[in-house]
Protein backbone atom coordinates (compact mmCIF):
# COMPACT_ATOMS: atom_id res chain seq x y z
CA UNK A 1 -11.27 -16.18 6.82
CA UNK A 2 -12.26 -16.87 3.24
CA UNK A 3 -9.61 -18.22 0.92
CA UNK A 4 -10.27 -15.45 -1.62
CA UNK A 5 -10.88 -12.43 0.57
CA UNK A 6 -12.75 -11.04 3.53
CA UNK A 7 -13.97 -7.81 5.09
CA UNK A 8 -15.28 -6.66 8.42
CA UNK A 9 -15.26 -4.08 11.17
CA UNK A 10 -12.49 -3.40 13.64
CA UNK A 11 -11.75 -1.00 16.43
CA UNK A 12 -8.62 0.72 17.66
CA UNK A 13 -7.85 3.70 19.90
CA UNK A 14 -9.09 6.08 17.16
CA UNK A 15 -12.47 4.38 16.84
CA UNK A 16 -14.28 1.94 14.58
CA UNK A 17 -12.95 1.15 11.10
CA UNK A 18 -13.67 -1.34 8.35
CA UNK A 19 -11.10 -3.41 6.50
CA UNK A 20 -10.85 -5.48 3.33
CA UNK A 21 -8.35 -8.23 2.54
CA UNK A 22 -7.86 -10.03 -0.79
CA UNK A 23 -5.42 -12.88 -1.36
CA UNK A 24 -3.51 -13.97 -4.45
CA UNK A 25 -6.10 -15.75 -6.58
CA UNK A 26 -3.68 -18.22 -8.15
CA UNK A 27 -1.93 -19.36 -4.98
CA UNK A 28 -4.95 -19.35 -2.63
CA UNK A 29 -7.39 -21.45 -4.67
CA UNK A 30 -7.54 -20.71 -8.39
CA UNK A 31 -10.63 -22.87 -8.99
CA UNK A 32 -12.63 -20.59 -6.70
CA UNK A 33 -10.76 -17.29 -6.50
CA UNK A 34 -9.71 -16.85 -10.13
CA UNK A 35 -12.93 -18.04 -11.76
CA UNK A 36 -13.99 -17.28 -14.54
CA UNK A 37 -10.36 -17.02 -15.70
CA UNK A 38 -9.37 -20.43 -14.29
CA UNK A 39 -11.09 -23.80 -14.59
CA UNK A 40 -13.70 -23.90 -11.79
CA UNK A 41 -13.55 -26.65 -9.18
CA UNK A 42 -17.36 -26.89 -9.19
CA UNK A 43 -19.88 -27.16 -12.00
CA UNK A 44 -20.22 -25.99 -14.73
CA UNK A 45 -16.98 -27.16 -16.26
CA UNK A 46 -17.02 -24.71 -19.15
CA UNK A 47 -13.71 -23.51 -20.57
CA UNK A 48 -12.31 -20.54 -18.63
CA UNK A 49 -12.27 -17.05 -20.10
CA UNK A 50 -8.99 -15.60 -21.28
CA UNK A 51 -7.57 -13.04 -18.85
CA UNK A 52 -7.43 -9.67 -20.61
CA UNK A 53 -3.93 -8.88 -19.37
CA UNK A 54 -2.70 -12.47 -19.54
CA UNK A 55 -2.40 -12.76 -15.74
CA UNK A 56 -5.11 -14.99 -14.27
CA UNK A 57 -4.11 -14.13 -10.70
CA UNK A 58 -4.44 -10.37 -11.08
CA UNK A 59 -7.74 -10.55 -12.97
CA UNK A 60 -9.12 -12.88 -10.30
CA UNK A 61 -7.92 -10.53 -7.55
CA UNK A 62 -9.66 -7.58 -9.23
CA UNK A 63 -12.98 -9.47 -9.22
CA UNK A 64 -12.49 -10.41 -5.56
CA UNK A 65 -11.40 -6.89 -4.61
CA UNK A 66 -14.54 -5.41 -6.18
CA UNK A 67 -16.71 -7.95 -4.35
CA UNK A 68 -15.04 -7.39 -0.98
CA UNK A 69 -15.09 -3.58 -1.30
CA UNK A 70 -18.78 -3.62 -2.24
CA UNK A 71 -19.47 -5.73 0.84
CA UNK A 72 -17.33 -3.47 3.02
CA UNK A 73 -19.12 -0.23 2.17
CA UNK A 74 -22.63 -1.70 2.21
CA UNK A 75 -22.47 -3.92 5.30
CA UNK A 76 -25.03 -3.06 7.92
CA UNK A 77 -23.40 -2.77 11.33
CA UNK A 78 -25.41 -1.81 14.41
CA UNK A 79 -28.25 -0.44 12.28
CA UNK A 80 -26.06 1.78 10.10
CA UNK A 81 -24.20 1.45 6.85
CA UNK A 82 -20.45 1.11 7.22
CA UNK A 83 -19.65 4.32 5.33
CA UNK A 84 -19.74 6.56 8.44
CA UNK A 85 -16.68 4.64 9.67
CA UNK A 86 -13.26 5.57 8.41
CA UNK A 87 -12.02 3.32 5.60
């Protein structure tokens, strides 16, 4: 599982579903998960952006949530897009 977030398919007695999980950007790994609002752990070492709401963790989580949700609904699984599954 990624430190920032992950997504994938699952199955239960009702059928196939997809899931998304996003962690707290500040506690998981701020240099990766909260970038560009936290100093990155890799190059380039440019100054971080200022979080619009003043909370680096939440702004980082929003970026990760958007990324994970985009991956969840566009993943190709068994020759089909994931959107026919229940979210």
